Amino acid sequence: MKKIKILYFKAMNLSLILLFCGCVSFQNQDIILEKSNKDTPLWTYSEDKNFNTNENIFLVYKKSDIYNLYLGLKQAQAAATLQTSYLIMQKIQTDLLNKLNEFTKKNSIKNESILSELSQKIKENRLTIRSQPANPKEIYWEYRQRDTDNGPERFYIVWVLLTIPKLDYESALLNTARNLIKSEQKDIVDLGQNILQQISPR
């Protein structure tokens, strides 16, 4: 009988823990109240290169914590346009990290050193990039609700899809590659040379 009571209390405690965890998880999850489109566009969360074309590269700008939709839409479009160069370098950083992972197999300590220098090289090159402001191609927004210490809070998130000429992206990528080959780390030099071999200056 004593063993049964112990098992009962253990089961009750486990149930309470699971219930508590479930509540916490639910409270921390945003609830979507309204969307500008019925279906969420794939470009808002996918890094799929199929969005790009032979002539254009697509970039995505995201702005959260918006409380006035009309004003937020104007601010998001303006910010996205002004930050074209930053978004280009952000995409270059993502592409270079993916490319680096394809042909380098090092231990975690060396990888950390490589990634740190790669990020620094990209940051240095970001200041030299000059690109024409991109034009917004598509806009998508969501109206959400989240739980806070002060109660439910409602806000908007806006995504802006931009398009730039592929030549602008490749020009920035080439400048970055020329900076990479100045590194003292072989993997970073190899990455830069690989890019220079693949893209011919136009």
N, C-alpha and C. Protein backbone atom coordinates (compact mmCIF):
# COMPACT_ATOMS: atom_id res chain seq x y z
N MET A 1 0.82 -1.20 0.00
CA MET A 1 0.00 0.00 0.00
C MET A 1 0.87 1.27 0.00
N LYS A 2 1.95 1.19 0.79
CA LYS A 2 2.86 2.33 0.87
C LYS A 2 3.51 2.61 -0.48
N LYS A 3 3.88 1.52 -1.20
CA LYS A 3 4.49 1.67 -2.52
C LYS A 3 3.52 2.31 -3.50
N ILE A 4 2.23 1.93 -3.37
CA ILE A 4 1.21 2.48 -4.26
C ILE A 4 1.07 3.98 -4.04
N LYS A 5 1.11 4.41 -2.76
CA LYS A 5 1.00 5.83 -2.45
C LYS A 5 2.19 6.62 -3.01
N ILE A 6 3.37 6.02 -2.88
CA ILE A 6 4.57 6.68 -3.40
C ILE A 6 4.48 6.86 -4.91
N LEU A 7 4.04 5.78 -5.59
CA LEU A 7 3.89 5.85 -7.04
C LEU A 7 2.84 6.88 -7.43
N TYR A 8 1.77 6.97 -6.63
CA TYR A 8 0.70 7.92 -6.90
C TYR A 8 1.21 9.36 -6.82
N PHE A 9 1.94 9.65 -5.74
CA PHE A 9 2.48 11.00 -5.56
C PHE A 9 3.50 11.36 -6.65
N LYS A 10 4.32 10.35 -7.06
CA LYS A 10 5.28 10.60 -8.13
C LYS A 10 4.56 10.94 -9.43
N ALA A 11 3.48 10.18 -9.70
CA ALA A 11 2.71 10.43 -10.91
C ALA A 11 2.07 11.81 -10.88
N MET A 12 1.56 12.21 -9.71
CA MET A 12 0.94 13.52 -9.57
C MET A 12 1.97 14.64 -9.80
N ASN A 13 3.15 14.46 -9.20
CA ASN A 13 4.21 15.46 -9.36
C ASN A 13 4.63 15.60 -10.82
N LEU A 14 4.76 14.45 -11.50
CA LEU A 14 5.14 14.46 -12.91
C LEU A 14 4.09 15.17 -13.74
N SER A 15 2.81 14.92 -13.43
CA SER A 15 1.72 15.55 -14.17
C SER A 15 1.74 17.06 -13.99
N LEU A 16 2.01 17.50 -12.74
CA LEU A 16 2.06 18.94 -12.47
C LEU A 16 3.21 19.61 -13.20
N ILE A 17 4.36 18.92 -13.23
CA ILE A 17 5.53 19.46 -13.93
C ILE A 17 5.25 19.60 -15.42
N LEU A 18 4.67 18.55 -16.01
CA LEU A 18 4.35 18.59 -17.44
C LEU A 18 3.33 19.67 -17.75
N LEU A 19 2.34 19.83 -16.85
CA LEU A 19 1.32 20.85 -17.05
C LEU A 19 1.93 22.24 -16.97
N PHE A 20 2.83 22.43 -16.01
CA PHE A 20 3.50 23.72 -15.84
C PHE A 20 4.35 24.05 -17.07
N CYS A 21 5.12 23.07 -17.54
CA CYS A 21 5.96 23.27 -18.72
C CYS A 21 5.12 23.61 -19.94
N GLY A 22 3.97 22.92 -20.05
CA GLY A 22 3.09 23.16 -21.18
C GLY A 22 2.54 24.57 -21.15
N CYS A 23 2.21 25.05 -19.93
CA CYS A 23 1.68 26.40 -19.80
C CYS A 23 2.73 27.44 -20.15
N VAL A 24 3.94 27.22 -19.67
CA VAL A 24 5.02 28.16 -19.95
C VAL A 24 5.29 28.24 -21.44
N SER A 25 5.33 27.09 -22.10
CA SER A 25 5.59 27.04 -23.53
C SER A 25 4.50 27.77 -24.30
N PHE A 26 3.22 27.59 -23.85
CA PHE A 26 2.11 28.23 -24.53
C PHE A 26 2.15 29.74 -24.35
N GLN A 27 2.50 30.16 -23.10
CA GLN A 27 2.51 31.58 -22.82
C GLN A 27 3.60 32.31 -23.60
N ASN A 28 4.71 31.63 -23.87
CA ASN A 28 5.82 32.27 -24.56
C ASN A 28 5.64 32.29 -26.07
N GLN A 29 4.60 31.65 -26.56
CA GLN A 29 4.40 31.55 -28.00
C GLN A 29 3.47 32.66 -28.47
N ASP A 30 3.89 33.38 -29.52
CA ASP A 30 3.04 34.43 -30.08
C ASP A 30 1.80 33.83 -30.72
N ILE A 31 0.70 34.56 -30.61
CA ILE A 31 -0.55 34.16 -31.27
C ILE A 31 -0.78 35.10 -32.45
N ILE A 32 -0.97 34.55 -33.63
CA ILE A 32 -1.22 35.37 -34.82
C ILE A 32 -2.71 35.70 -34.87
N LEU A 33 -3.03 36.98 -34.81
CA LEU A 33 -4.42 37.42 -34.81
C LEU A 33 -4.91 37.77 -36.21
N GLU A 34 -4.00 38.27 -37.04
CA GLU A 34 -4.39 38.71 -38.39
C GLU A 34 -3.15 38.70 -39.28
N LYS A 35 -3.36 38.46 -40.59
CA LYS A 35 -2.26 38.45 -41.55
C LYS A 35 -2.68 39.20 -42.80
N SER A 36 -1.70 39.80 -43.46
CA SER A 36 -2.01 40.53 -44.69
C SER A 36 -2.35 39.57 -45.83
N ASN A 37 -1.81 38.36 -45.78
CA ASN A 37 -2.12 37.31 -46.76
C ASN A 37 -2.62 36.08 -46.03
N LYS A 38 -3.47 35.33 -46.67
CA LYS A 38 -3.97 34.10 -46.06
C LYS A 38 -2.84 33.12 -45.81
N ASP A 39 -1.96 32.97 -46.79
CA ASP A 39 -0.81 32.07 -46.67
C ASP A 39 0.46 32.88 -46.44
N THR A 40 1.24 32.47 -45.45
CA THR A 40 2.50 33.15 -45.16
C THR A 40 3.47 32.93 -46.31
N PRO A 41 3.99 33.98 -46.92
CA PRO A 41 4.93 33.82 -48.05
C PRO A 41 6.17 33.04 -47.63
N LEU A 42 6.61 32.18 -48.51
CA LEU A 42 7.79 31.35 -48.22
C LEU A 42 9.04 32.19 -48.01
N TRP A 43 9.13 33.32 -48.67
CA TRP A 43 10.34 34.14 -48.59
C TRP A 43 10.55 34.76 -47.22
N THR A 44 9.52 34.77 -46.36
CA THR A 44 9.68 35.38 -45.03
C THR A 44 10.50 34.52 -44.08
N TYR A 45 10.61 33.23 -44.38
CA TYR A 45 11.34 32.36 -43.45
C TYR A 45 12.28 31.38 -44.15
N SER A 46 12.34 31.38 -45.46
CA SER A 46 13.18 30.42 -46.17
C SER A 46 14.41 31.09 -46.74
N GLU A 47 15.53 30.34 -46.74
CA GLU A 47 16.78 30.81 -47.35
C GLU A 47 16.97 30.18 -48.73
N ASP A 48 15.90 29.69 -49.30
CA ASP A 48 15.96 28.98 -50.58
C ASP A 48 16.50 29.89 -51.69
N LYS A 49 17.56 29.44 -52.35
CA LYS A 49 18.18 30.23 -53.42
C LYS A 49 17.31 30.27 -54.67
N ASN A 50 16.24 29.47 -54.71
CA ASN A 50 15.39 29.45 -55.89
C ASN A 50 14.63 30.77 -56.06
N PHE A 51 14.62 31.61 -55.01
CA PHE A 51 13.97 32.91 -55.14
C PHE A 51 14.77 33.82 -56.07
N ASN A 52 16.05 33.58 -56.18
CA ASN A 52 16.90 34.41 -57.02
C ASN A 52 16.71 34.05 -58.49
N THR A 53 17.02 35.00 -59.37
CA THR A 53 16.93 34.76 -60.81
C THR A 53 18.31 35.02 -61.42
N ASN A 54 18.40 34.87 -62.72
CA ASN A 54 19.68 35.14 -63.40
C ASN A 54 20.04 36.62 -63.37
N GLU A 55 19.05 37.47 -63.18
CA GLU A 55 19.30 38.91 -63.20
C GLU A 55 19.22 39.56 -61.82
N ASN A 56 18.47 38.96 -60.90
CA ASN A 56 18.20 39.61 -59.62
C ASN A 56 18.46 38.71 -58.42
N ILE A 57 18.76 39.38 -57.30
CA ILE A 57 18.91 38.72 -56.01
C ILE A 57 17.85 39.31 -55.08
N PHE A 58 17.22 38.46 -54.29
CA PHE A 58 16.19 38.94 -53.37
C PHE A 58 16.72 39.02 -51.95
N LEU A 59 16.36 40.10 -51.26
CA LEU A 59 16.76 40.33 -49.88
C LEU A 59 15.50 40.54 -49.04
N VAL A 60 15.58 40.21 -47.76
CA VAL A 60 14.42 40.35 -46.88
C VAL A 60 14.78 41.20 -45.66
N TYR A 61 13.94 42.20 -45.41
CA TYR A 61 14.09 43.04 -44.21
C TYR A 61 12.90 42.79 -43.30
N LYS A 62 13.17 42.65 -42.00
CA LYS A 62 12.11 42.36 -41.03
C LYS A 62 12.13 43.40 -39.91
N LYS A 63 10.96 43.92 -39.58
CA LYS A 63 10.84 44.88 -38.48
C LYS A 63 9.73 44.42 -37.54
N SER A 64 10.06 44.33 -36.25
CA SER A 64 9.10 43.85 -35.26
C SER A 64 8.72 44.96 -34.29
N ASP A 65 7.84 44.62 -33.35
CA ASP A 65 7.40 45.56 -32.30
C ASP A 65 6.86 46.86 -32.89
N ILE A 66 5.96 46.72 -33.85
CA ILE A 66 5.29 47.87 -34.46
C ILE A 66 3.89 47.98 -33.86
N TYR A 67 3.50 49.19 -33.46
CA TYR A 67 2.20 49.35 -32.79
C TYR A 67 1.22 50.19 -33.60
N ASN A 68 1.71 50.79 -34.67
CA ASN A 68 0.85 51.52 -35.59
C ASN A 68 1.15 50.99 -36.99
N LEU A 69 0.19 50.27 -37.58
CA LEU A 69 0.46 49.58 -38.85
C LEU A 69 0.81 50.55 -39.97
N TYR A 70 0.03 51.62 -40.12
CA TYR A 70 0.27 52.56 -41.22
C TYR A 70 1.66 53.16 -41.12
N LEU A 71 2.01 53.65 -39.93
CA LEU A 71 3.33 54.24 -39.71
C LEU A 71 4.42 53.18 -39.83
N GLY A 72 4.16 51.99 -39.29
CA GLY A 72 5.13 50.90 -39.33
C GLY A 72 5.46 50.45 -40.74
N LEU A 73 4.46 50.41 -41.61
CA LEU A 73 4.69 50.02 -43.00
C LEU A 73 5.61 51.03 -43.70
N LYS A 74 5.36 52.31 -43.47
CA LYS A 74 6.20 53.35 -44.08
C LYS A 74 7.63 53.28 -43.55
N GLN A 75 7.77 53.09 -42.23
CA GLN A 75 9.10 53.02 -41.62
C GLN A 75 9.87 51.79 -42.10
N ALA A 76 9.17 50.66 -42.20
CA ALA A 76 9.82 49.42 -42.63
C ALA A 76 10.32 49.53 -44.06
N GLN A 77 9.50 50.10 -44.94
CA GLN A 77 9.92 50.26 -46.34
C GLN A 77 11.11 51.21 -46.46
N ALA A 78 11.06 52.30 -45.70
CA ALA A 78 12.15 53.28 -45.75
C ALA A 78 13.44 52.67 -45.20
N ALA A 79 13.33 51.96 -44.07
CA ALA A 79 14.51 51.35 -43.45
C ALA A 79 15.11 50.28 -44.36
N ALA A 80 14.24 49.49 -44.98
CA ALA A 80 14.71 48.43 -45.87
C ALA A 80 15.48 49.01 -47.04
N THR A 81 14.98 50.10 -47.60
CA THR A 81 15.64 50.75 -48.73
C THR A 81 16.99 51.33 -48.33
N LEU A 82 17.02 51.99 -47.17
CA LEU A 82 18.26 52.63 -46.71
C LEU A 82 19.33 51.60 -46.33
N GLN A 83 18.90 50.43 -45.90
CA GLN A 83 19.84 49.42 -45.43
C GLN A 83 20.18 48.38 -46.50
N THR A 84 20.04 48.74 -47.75
CA THR A 84 20.33 47.81 -48.84
C THR A 84 21.74 47.23 -48.73
N SER A 85 22.73 48.10 -48.52
CA SER A 85 24.12 47.63 -48.43
C SER A 85 24.31 46.65 -47.28
N TYR A 86 23.69 46.97 -46.14
CA TYR A 86 23.79 46.08 -44.98
C TYR A 86 23.16 44.72 -45.28
N LEU A 87 22.00 44.73 -45.93
CA LEU A 87 21.31 43.48 -46.26
C LEU A 87 22.12 42.64 -47.25
N ILE A 88 22.79 43.33 -48.19
CA ILE A 88 23.65 42.61 -49.14
C ILE A 88 24.76 41.88 -48.40
N MET A 89 25.43 42.58 -47.48
CA MET A 89 26.52 41.97 -46.73
C MET A 89 26.02 40.89 -45.78
N GLN A 90 24.81 41.06 -45.29
CA GLN A 90 24.22 40.03 -44.43
C GLN A 90 24.00 38.74 -45.22
N LYS A 91 23.54 38.89 -46.45
CA LYS A 91 23.35 37.72 -47.31
C LYS A 91 24.70 37.10 -47.69
N ILE A 92 25.69 37.96 -47.96
CA ILE A 92 27.03 37.45 -48.29
C ILE A 92 27.59 36.65 -47.12
N GLN A 93 27.39 37.14 -45.90
CA GLN A 93 27.88 36.42 -44.73
C GLN A 93 27.23 35.04 -44.63
N THR A 94 25.91 34.98 -44.83
CA THR A 94 25.21 33.70 -44.79
C THR A 94 25.72 32.76 -45.87
N ASP A 95 25.88 33.28 -47.09
CA ASP A 95 26.35 32.45 -48.21
C ASP A 95 27.77 31.95 -47.98
N LEU A 96 28.64 32.82 -47.44
CA LEU A 96 30.03 32.42 -47.19
C LEU A 96 30.12 31.36 -46.10
N LEU A 97 29.31 31.50 -45.06
CA LEU A 97 29.32 30.50 -43.99
C LEU A 97 28.88 29.14 -44.51
N ASN A 98 27.85 29.15 -45.37
CA ASN A 98 27.39 27.89 -45.96
C ASN A 98 28.47 27.29 -46.86
N LYS A 99 29.13 28.14 -47.62
CA LYS A 99 30.18 27.66 -48.53
C LYS A 99 31.38 27.14 -47.75
N LEU A 100 31.71 27.82 -46.65
CA LEU A 100 32.84 27.40 -45.82
C LEU A 100 32.59 26.02 -45.24
N ASN A 101 31.36 25.77 -44.83
CA ASN A 101 31.02 24.47 -44.25
C ASN A 101 31.10 23.34 -45.26
N GLU A 102 31.02 23.68 -46.54
CA GLU A 102 31.03 22.66 -47.58
C GLU A 102 32.41 22.02 -47.77
N PHE A 103 33.46 22.84 -47.62
CA PHE A 103 34.77 22.26 -47.94
C PHE A 103 35.82 22.37 -46.83
N THR A 104 35.40 22.73 -45.62
CA THR A 104 36.36 22.73 -44.51
C THR A 104 35.91 21.76 -43.44
N LYS A 105 36.82 20.94 -42.97
CA LYS A 105 36.55 19.96 -41.92
C LYS A 105 37.63 20.10 -40.85
N LYS A 106 37.37 20.98 -39.88
CA LYS A 106 38.35 21.23 -38.82
C LYS A 106 37.70 20.98 -37.46
N ASN A 107 38.55 20.99 -36.41
CA ASN A 107 38.00 20.82 -35.08
C ASN A 107 37.27 22.09 -34.65
N SER A 108 36.49 22.00 -33.57
CA SER A 108 35.63 23.10 -33.15
C SER A 108 36.42 24.34 -32.75
N ILE A 109 37.60 24.16 -32.16
CA ILE A 109 38.40 25.30 -31.74
C ILE A 109 38.88 26.09 -32.96
N LYS A 110 39.37 25.37 -33.98
CA LYS A 110 39.83 26.03 -35.21
C LYS A 110 38.66 26.69 -35.92
N ASN A 111 37.51 26.02 -35.93
CA ASN A 111 36.33 26.58 -36.57
C ASN A 111 35.93 27.90 -35.95
N GLU A 112 36.01 27.97 -34.63
CA GLU A 112 35.64 29.20 -33.92
C GLU A 112 36.56 30.34 -34.35
N SER A 113 37.83 30.05 -34.49
CA SER A 113 38.80 31.06 -34.92
C SER A 113 38.51 31.51 -36.35
N ILE A 114 38.20 30.56 -37.22
CA ILE A 114 37.91 30.87 -38.62
C ILE A 114 36.65 31.72 -38.74
N LEU A 115 35.60 31.33 -38.02
CA LEU A 115 34.34 32.06 -38.09
C LEU A 115 34.49 33.47 -37.56
N SER A 116 35.29 33.62 -36.50
CA SER A 116 35.51 34.94 -35.92
C SER A 116 36.21 35.87 -36.92
N GLU A 117 37.25 35.36 -37.59
CA GLU A 117 37.97 36.19 -38.55
C GLU A 117 37.12 36.46 -39.79
N LEU A 118 36.34 35.46 -40.21
CA LEU A 118 35.47 35.64 -41.37
C LEU A 118 34.46 36.75 -41.11
N SER A 119 33.87 36.74 -39.92
CA SER A 119 32.90 37.78 -39.56
C SER A 119 33.56 39.15 -39.53
N GLN A 120 34.80 39.21 -39.05
CA GLN A 120 35.53 40.47 -38.99
C GLN A 120 35.84 41.00 -40.38
N LYS A 121 36.24 40.10 -41.28
CA LYS A 121 36.55 40.50 -42.66
C LYS A 121 35.30 41.06 -43.35
N ILE A 122 34.17 40.41 -43.12
CA ILE A 122 32.92 40.86 -43.73
C ILE A 122 32.51 42.21 -43.15
N LYS A 123 32.70 42.37 -41.86
CA LYS A 123 32.37 43.65 -41.21
C LYS A 123 33.22 44.78 -41.77
N GLU A 124 34.50 44.52 -41.98
CA GLU A 124 35.40 45.53 -42.55
C GLU A 124 34.96 45.93 -43.96
N ASN A 125 34.53 44.93 -44.72
CA ASN A 125 34.16 45.19 -46.12
C ASN A 125 32.81 45.88 -46.23
N ARG A 126 31.98 45.74 -45.20
CA ARG A 126 30.64 46.33 -45.24
C ARG A 126 30.70 47.84 -45.42
N LEU A 127 31.70 48.47 -44.86
CA LEU A 127 31.82 49.93 -44.93
C LEU A 127 32.22 50.41 -46.32
N THR A 128 32.74 49.51 -47.14
CA THR A 128 33.20 49.91 -48.48
C THR A 128 32.16 49.66 -49.56
N ILE A 129 31.09 48.97 -49.22
CA ILE A 129 30.07 48.62 -50.22
C ILE A 129 29.21 49.83 -50.55
N ARG A 130 29.06 50.09 -51.82
CA ARG A 130 28.19 51.16 -52.30
C ARG A 130 27.19 50.55 -53.27
N SER A 131 25.92 50.63 -52.90
CA SER A 131 24.89 50.03 -53.75
C SER A 131 23.71 50.98 -53.85
N GLN A 132 23.05 50.96 -54.98
CA GLN A 132 21.84 51.75 -55.15
C GLN A 132 20.74 51.20 -54.24
N PRO A 133 19.96 52.07 -53.58
CA PRO A 133 18.87 51.58 -52.74
C PRO A 133 17.92 50.68 -53.53
N ALA A 134 17.56 49.57 -52.93
CA ALA A 134 16.67 48.62 -53.60
C ALA A 134 15.22 49.06 -53.47
N ASN A 135 14.41 48.64 -54.41
CA ASN A 135 12.98 48.94 -54.37
C ASN A 135 12.20 47.78 -53.77
N PRO A 136 11.28 48.07 -52.84
CA PRO A 136 10.45 47.00 -52.27
C PRO A 136 9.63 46.32 -53.36
N LYS A 137 9.66 45.00 -53.35
CA LYS A 137 8.92 44.23 -54.35
C LYS A 137 7.61 43.70 -53.77
N GLU A 138 7.65 43.35 -52.49
CA GLU A 138 6.47 42.78 -51.84
C GLU A 138 6.54 43.05 -50.34
N ILE A 139 5.37 43.22 -49.71
CA ILE A 139 5.30 43.47 -48.27
C ILE A 139 4.29 42.50 -47.64
N TYR A 140 4.65 42.00 -46.49
CA TYR A 140 3.76 41.09 -45.76
C TYR A 140 3.82 41.46 -44.28
N TRP A 141 2.66 41.42 -43.61
CA TRP A 141 2.65 41.74 -42.18
C TRP A 141 1.74 40.78 -41.40
N GLU A 142 2.03 40.68 -40.12
CA GLU A 142 1.22 39.88 -39.19
C GLU A 142 0.92 40.71 -37.95
N TYR A 143 -0.30 40.54 -37.44
CA TYR A 143 -0.71 41.17 -36.18
C TYR A 143 -0.70 40.08 -35.13
N ARG A 144 0.13 40.24 -34.10
CA ARG A 144 0.33 39.17 -33.12
C ARG A 144 0.02 39.63 -31.70
N GLN A 145 -0.11 38.62 -30.84
CA GLN A 145 -0.28 38.88 -29.41
C GLN A 145 0.67 37.98 -28.62
N ARG A 146 1.30 38.56 -27.60
CA ARG A 146 2.19 37.79 -26.74
C ARG A 146 1.91 38.15 -25.29
N ASP A 147 2.22 37.22 -24.40
CA ASP A 147 2.05 37.45 -22.97
C ASP A 147 3.28 38.14 -22.40
N THR A 148 3.05 39.15 -21.59
CA THR A 148 4.14 39.85 -20.91
C THR A 148 3.81 39.92 -19.42
N ASP A 149 4.75 40.42 -18.63
CA ASP A 149 4.51 40.57 -17.20
C ASP A 149 3.37 41.53 -16.90
N ASN A 150 3.10 42.43 -17.85
CA ASN A 150 2.02 43.41 -17.68
C ASN A 150 0.73 42.99 -18.36
N GLY A 151 0.69 41.75 -18.84
CA GLY A 151 -0.50 41.26 -19.52
C GLY A 151 -0.28 41.11 -21.01
N PRO A 152 -1.33 40.76 -21.76
CA PRO A 152 -1.21 40.55 -23.21
C PRO A 152 -0.77 41.84 -23.93
N GLU A 153 0.11 41.67 -24.91
CA GLU A 153 0.59 42.81 -25.70
C GLU A 153 0.40 42.48 -27.18
N ARG A 154 -0.18 43.42 -27.91
CA ARG A 154 -0.41 43.22 -29.34
C ARG A 154 0.52 44.12 -30.16
N PHE A 155 1.02 43.56 -31.25
CA PHE A 155 1.99 44.29 -32.06
C PHE A 155 2.00 43.72 -33.48
N TYR A 156 2.65 44.44 -34.38
CA TYR A 156 2.78 44.01 -35.77
C TYR A 156 4.23 43.64 -36.08
N ILE A 157 4.39 42.71 -37.02
CA ILE A 157 5.69 42.41 -37.61
C ILE A 157 5.55 42.61 -39.12
N VAL A 158 6.51 43.32 -39.70
CA VAL A 158 6.46 43.60 -41.14
C VAL A 158 7.69 43.02 -41.82
N TRP A 159 7.47 42.32 -42.92
CA TRP A 159 8.56 41.81 -43.76
C TRP A 159 8.53 42.56 -45.09
N VAL A 160 9.70 42.95 -45.58
CA VAL A 160 9.79 43.64 -46.87
C VAL A 160 10.73 42.84 -47.77
N LEU A 161 10.23 42.47 -48.94
CA LEU A 161 11.04 41.75 -49.93
C LEU A 161 11.62 42.77 -50.91
N LEU A 162 12.95 42.76 -51.02
CA LEU A 162 13.65 43.69 -51.92
C LEU A 162 14.32 42.93 -53.05
N THR A 163 14.50 43.60 -54.15
CA THR A 163 15.22 43.00 -55.27
C THR A 163 16.35 43.92 -55.70
N ILE A 164 17.53 43.34 -55.94
CA ILE A 164 18.69 44.11 -56.41
C ILE A 164 19.28 43.40 -57.63
N PRO A 165 19.97 44.12 -58.50
CA PRO A 165 20.63 43.47 -59.64
C PRO A 165 21.67 42.47 -59.14
N LYS A 166 21.74 41.33 -59.80
CA LYS A 166 22.71 40.31 -59.41
C LYS A 166 24.14 40.85 -59.54
N LEU A 167 24.36 41.77 -60.47
CA LEU A 167 25.69 42.36 -60.65
C LEU A 167 26.14 43.11 -59.40
N ASP A 168 25.20 43.78 -58.71
CA ASP A 168 25.54 44.51 -57.48
C ASP A 168 25.98 43.53 -56.40
N TYR A 169 25.26 42.41 -56.31
CA TYR A 169 25.60 41.40 -55.31
C TYR A 169 26.97 40.79 -55.60
N GLU A 170 27.20 40.45 -56.87
CA GLU A 170 28.47 39.82 -57.24
C GLU A 170 29.64 40.79 -57.07
N SER A 171 29.40 42.07 -57.30
CA SER A 171 30.45 43.07 -57.09
C SER A 171 30.85 43.13 -55.62
N ALA A 172 29.86 43.12 -54.74
CA ALA A 172 30.13 43.13 -53.30
C ALA A 172 30.81 41.85 -52.86
N LEU A 173 30.41 40.73 -53.47
CA LEU A 173 31.01 39.44 -53.13
C LEU A 173 32.47 39.38 -53.57
N LEU A 174 32.77 39.94 -54.74
CA LEU A 174 34.16 39.97 -55.23
C LEU A 174 35.05 40.83 -54.34
N ASN A 175 34.53 41.98 -53.92
CA ASN A 175 35.30 42.84 -53.02
C ASN A 175 35.59 42.13 -51.70
N THR A 176 34.60 41.38 -51.23
CA THR A 176 34.79 40.62 -49.99
C THR A 176 35.83 39.53 -50.19
N ALA A 177 35.78 38.85 -51.33
CA ALA A 177 36.74 37.77 -51.62
C ALA A 177 38.16 38.31 -51.67
N ARG A 178 38.34 39.48 -52.26
CA ARG A 178 39.68 40.09 -52.32
C ARG A 178 40.21 40.40 -50.93
N ASN A 179 39.31 40.69 -50.01
CA ASN A 179 39.70 40.94 -48.63
C ASN A 179 40.03 39.64 -47.91
N LEU A 180 39.32 38.58 -48.27
CA LEU A 180 39.53 37.28 -47.62
C LEU A 180 40.91 36.70 -47.94
N ILE A 181 41.39 36.90 -49.16
CA ILE A 181 42.67 36.28 -49.54
C ILE A 181 43.87 36.96 -48.87
N LYS A 182 43.62 38.04 -48.15
CA LYS A 182 44.68 38.70 -47.38
C LYS A 182 44.86 38.07 -46.00
N SER A 183 43.98 37.12 -45.68
CA SER A 183 44.02 36.48 -44.36
C SER A 183 45.25 35.59 -44.22
N GLU A 184 45.63 35.31 -42.98
CA GLU A 184 46.73 34.39 -42.70
C GLU A 184 46.23 32.97 -42.49
N GLN A 185 44.91 32.80 -42.48
CA GLN A 185 44.33 31.47 -42.30
C GLN A 185 44.03 30.85 -43.66
N LYS A 186 44.55 29.68 -43.88
CA LYS A 186 44.46 29.02 -45.18
C LYS A 186 43.01 28.81 -45.63
N ASP A 187 42.15 28.40 -44.70
CA ASP A 187 40.76 28.13 -45.07
C ASP A 187 40.06 29.38 -45.59
N ILE A 188 40.36 30.50 -44.98
CA ILE A 188 39.74 31.75 -45.42
C ILE A 188 40.31 32.19 -46.76
N VAL A 189 41.60 32.02 -46.94
CA VAL A 189 42.24 32.34 -48.23
C VAL A 189 41.65 31.45 -49.33
N ASP A 190 41.52 30.16 -49.04
CA ASP A 190 40.95 29.22 -50.02
C ASP A 190 39.52 29.62 -50.39
N LEU A 191 38.77 30.06 -49.38
CA LEU A 191 37.39 30.49 -49.63
C LEU A 191 37.37 31.69 -50.56
N GLY A 192 38.23 32.66 -50.30
CA GLY A 192 38.30 33.85 -51.15
C GLY A 192 38.71 33.51 -52.57
N GLN A 193 39.70 32.64 -52.72
CA GLN A 193 40.17 32.24 -54.06
C GLN A 193 39.10 31.47 -54.81
N ASN A 194 38.35 30.65 -54.09
CA ASN A 194 37.27 29.88 -54.70
C ASN A 194 36.22 30.81 -55.29
N ILE A 195 35.90 31.87 -54.58
CA ILE A 195 34.91 32.84 -55.06
C ILE A 195 35.45 33.59 -56.28
N LEU A 196 36.71 34.01 -56.22
CA LEU A 196 37.31 34.73 -57.34
C LEU A 196 37.35 33.89 -58.61
N GLN A 197 37.54 32.58 -58.45
CA GLN A 197 37.58 31.69 -59.60
C GLN A 197 36.19 31.48 -60.20
N GLN A 198 35.17 31.52 -59.34
CA GLN A 198 33.80 31.26 -59.81
C GLN A 198 33.16 32.48 -60.46
N ILE A 199 33.54 33.67 -59.97
CA ILE A 199 32.91 34.90 -60.47
C ILE A 199 33.94 35.74 -61.21
N SER A 200 33.70 35.99 -62.45
CA SER A 200 34.61 36.83 -63.25
C SER A 200 34.15 38.27 -63.16
N PRO A 201 35.06 39.21 -62.92
CA PRO A 201 34.68 40.63 -62.90
C PRO A 201 34.06 41.04 -64.22
N ARG A 202 32.97 41.83 -64.11
CA ARG A 202 32.29 42.24 -65.35
C ARG A 202 32.38 43.75 -65.54
